């Protein structure tokens, strides 16, 4: 293509900064037997992503997180 790695990385990072998202192809561009097929987020995941983008996140300490993880055992 005539691009250096540095040029390609610069283009990628500029696109990420502009779109505020990783430039990944949507599922419709992949065959059903592709390893990336079926990676469409469900409604709960989409809602969590929207919540995170709004900055509406719950802050927890590492100790609180560890307690939740330990409770699942």
Protein backbone atom coordinates (compact mmCIF):
# COMPACT_ATOMS: atom_id res chain seq x y z
CA UNK A 1 0.00 0.00 0.00
CA UNK A 2 2.98 2.31 0.33
CA UNK A 3 2.39 3.12 4.01
CA UNK A 4 4.94 2.81 6.74
CA UNK A 5 3.90 1.20 10.01
CA UNK A 6 4.14 4.65 11.58
CA UNK A 7 1.81 6.14 8.94
CA UNK A 8 -0.71 3.30 9.32
CA UNK A 9 -0.68 3.61 13.11
CA UNK A 10 -1.15 7.37 12.85
CA UNK A 11 -4.16 6.90 10.58
CA UNK A 12 -5.63 4.28 12.93
CA UNK A 13 -5.17 6.43 16.04
CA UNK A 14 -6.64 9.48 14.29
CA UNK A 15 -9.69 7.46 13.28
CA UNK A 16 -10.11 6.09 16.82
CA UNK A 17 -9.88 9.61 18.28
CA UNK A 18 -12.38 10.98 15.75
CA UNK A 19 -14.92 8.15 16.08
CA UNK A 20 -14.29 7.53 19.81
CA UNK A 21 -14.45 3.82 19.01
CA UNK A 22 -12.32 1.09 17.53
CA UNK A 23 -12.82 0.92 13.77
CA UNK A 24 -14.18 -2.61 13.62
CA UNK A 25 -16.36 -3.92 10.85
CA UNK A 26 -19.93 -4.74 11.71
CA UNK A 27 -21.10 -8.34 11.81
CA UNK A 28 -22.87 -8.02 8.46
CA UNK A 29 -19.46 -7.86 6.77
CA UNK A 30 -18.48 -11.31 8.05
CA UNK A 31 -19.52 -14.76 6.91
CA UNK A 32 -21.51 -16.87 9.34
CA UNK A 33 -18.62 -19.31 9.76
CA UNK A 34 -16.17 -16.49 10.51
CA UNK A 35 -14.62 -16.47 14.00
CA UNK A 36 -16.04 -12.96 14.42
CA UNK A 37 -19.61 -13.94 13.54
CA UNK A 38 -22.08 -13.67 16.39
CA UNK A 39 -20.23 -10.87 18.17
CA UNK A 40 -23.19 -8.52 18.21
CA UNK A 41 -23.72 -7.28 21.78
CA UNK A 42 -27.01 -8.10 23.45
CA UNK A 43 -29.36 -5.46 24.86
CA UNK A 44 -27.81 -5.58 28.35
CA UNK A 45 -24.32 -5.06 26.96
CA UNK A 46 -25.46 -2.22 24.70
CA UNK A 47 -27.14 -0.52 27.68
CA UNK A 48 -23.95 -0.88 29.74
CA UNK A 49 -21.87 0.58 26.90
CA UNK A 50 -24.24 3.56 26.59
CA UNK A 51 -24.14 4.06 30.36
CA UNK A 52 -20.33 4.06 30.30
CA UNK A 53 -20.22 6.56 27.43
CA UNK A 54 -22.44 8.90 29.46
CA UNK A 55 -20.01 8.59 32.36
CA UNK A 56 -22.74 7.09 34.52
CA UNK A 57 -20.49 4.56 36.23
CA UNK A 58 -20.34 3.18 39.73
CA UNK A 59 -16.99 3.67 41.46
CA UNK A 60 -15.76 0.83 43.65
CA UNK A 61 -12.54 0.16 45.51
CA UNK A 62 -10.35 -2.84 44.82
CA UNK A 63 -11.42 -4.31 48.16
CA UNK A 64 -15.11 -3.98 47.20
CA UNK A 65 -14.46 -5.58 43.83
CA UNK A 66 -12.52 -8.43 45.45
CA UNK A 67 -15.37 -9.01 47.91
CA UNK A 68 -17.85 -9.33 45.02
CA UNK A 69 -15.54 -11.71 43.16
CA UNK A 70 -14.95 -13.81 46.29
CA UNK A 71 -18.70 -13.99 46.97
CA UNK A 72 -19.20 -15.75 43.62
CA UNK A 73 -17.07 -18.72 44.74
